[in-house]
């Protein structure tokens, strides 16, 4: 007789929330990386004032949209910071 494998309890609501959380985590990681890169370029003096302002407005808009999306899906920003075990947290504490 074949051995029965345990069934996976895949609640659709839990699965959807987990997927949304993962996607938002990746988006937040990319947003923070872009922000750090922009700050490095500003510090080096590589950008004209108009471009600095444009980048600043874009990054503020992205941050606002991330906050709105987290609120919409009922996910707290702190939940996006995955624990990578011995490597520490994915995102820096802000």
Protein backbone atom coordinates (compact mmCIF):
# COMPACT_ATOMS: atom_id res chain seq x y z
CA UNK A 1 0.00 0.00 0.00
CA UNK A 2 1.36 3.44 -0.93
CA UNK A 3 2.37 5.75 1.87
CA UNK A 4 0.15 8.82 2.15
CA UNK A 5 1.89 12.16 2.12
CA UNK A 6 0.74 14.80 4.58
CA UNK A 7 -1.52 17.39 2.99
CA UNK A 8 -0.47 20.98 2.82
CA UNK A 9 -2.86 23.33 4.56
CA UNK A 10 -3.00 26.04 1.89
CA UNK A 11 -5.56 28.57 3.04
CA UNK A 12 -6.04 30.87 0.01
CA UNK A 13 -6.19 33.98 2.19
CA UNK A 14 -2.95 33.12 3.98
CA UNK A 15 -1.23 32.24 0.71
CA UNK A 16 -2.33 35.53 -0.89
CA UNK A 17 -1.15 37.56 2.09
CA UNK A 18 2.21 35.76 2.07
CA UNK A 19 2.66 36.39 -1.64
CA UNK A 20 1.76 40.06 -1.31
CA UNK A 21 4.15 40.38 1.63
CA UNK A 22 6.97 38.80 -0.38
CA UNK A 23 6.34 41.07 -3.39
CA UNK A 24 6.22 44.17 -1.20
CA UNK A 25 9.44 43.07 0.51
CA UNK A 26 11.23 42.86 -2.84
CA UNK A 27 9.84 46.24 -3.92
CA UNK A 28 10.91 47.82 -0.63
CA UNK A 29 14.40 46.36 -0.94
CA UNK A 30 14.74 47.80 -4.45
CA UNK A 31 13.35 51.17 -3.31
CA UNK A 32 15.90 51.38 -0.52
CA UNK A 33 18.75 50.37 -2.83
CA UNK A 34 17.73 53.06 -5.35
CA UNK A 35 17.57 55.62 -2.55
CA UNK A 36 21.06 54.75 -1.31
CA UNK A 37 22.47 54.92 -4.84
CA UNK A 38 20.84 58.32 -5.41
CA UNK A 39 22.29 59.62 -2.13
CA UNK A 40 25.77 58.44 -3.11
CA UNK A 41 25.47 60.25 -6.44
CA UNK A 42 24.26 63.43 -4.71
CA UNK A 43 27.16 63.24 -2.25
CA UNK A 44 29.64 62.87 -5.15
CA UNK A 45 28.14 65.91 -6.87
CA UNK A 46 27.33 63.97 -10.06
CA UNK A 47 23.84 65.40 -10.47
CA UNK A 48 22.47 68.83 -11.41
CA UNK A 49 20.05 70.45 -8.94
CA UNK A 50 17.02 69.76 -11.16
CA UNK A 51 17.78 66.05 -11.27
CA UNK A 52 18.35 65.94 -7.51
CA UNK A 53 14.92 67.43 -6.94
CA UNK A 54 13.31 65.06 -9.43
CA UNK A 55 14.91 62.02 -7.81
CA UNK A 56 13.88 63.24 -4.36
CA UNK A 57 10.25 63.68 -5.41
CA UNK A 58 10.24 60.28 -7.11
CA UNK A 59 11.66 58.53 -4.05
CA UNK A 60 9.18 60.27 -1.75
CA UNK A 61 6.34 59.20 -4.04
CA UNK A 62 7.55 55.59 -4.02
CA UNK A 63 7.77 55.59 -0.24
CA UNK A 64 4.25 57.01 0.03
CA UNK A 65 2.90 54.40 -2.39
CA UNK A 66 4.59 51.60 -0.44
CA UNK A 67 2.93 52.85 2.75
CA UNK A 68 -0.45 52.95 0.99
CA UNK A 69 -0.02 49.42 -0.36
CA UNK A 70 0.97 48.07 3.05
CA UNK A 71 -2.09 49.70 4.59
CA UNK A 72 -4.36 48.35 1.84
CA UNK A 73 -3.17 44.77 2.36
CA UNK A 74 -2.94 45.07 6.16
CA UNK A 75 0.81 44.54 6.27
CA UNK A 76 3.07 46.50 8.58
CA UNK A 77 6.34 47.89 7.22
CA UNK A 78 8.26 46.01 9.93
CA UNK A 79 6.84 42.74 8.56
CA UNK A 80 8.72 43.34 5.30
CA UNK A 81 12.07 43.03 7.06
CA UNK A 82 12.71 39.31 6.73
CA UNK A 83 14.88 37.51 9.26
CA UNK A 84 17.66 35.77 7.34
CA UNK A 85 18.86 33.79 10.33
CA UNK A 86 22.62 34.07 10.89
CA UNK A 87 22.84 36.78 8.21
CA UNK A 88 20.57 39.09 10.20
CA UNK A 89 17.67 41.15 8.89
CA UNK A 90 17.16 41.81 5.16
CA UNK A 91 16.58 45.54 5.47
CA UNK A 92 18.49 48.00 7.65
CA UNK A 93 16.64 49.42 10.64
CA UNK A 94 15.50 52.93 9.87
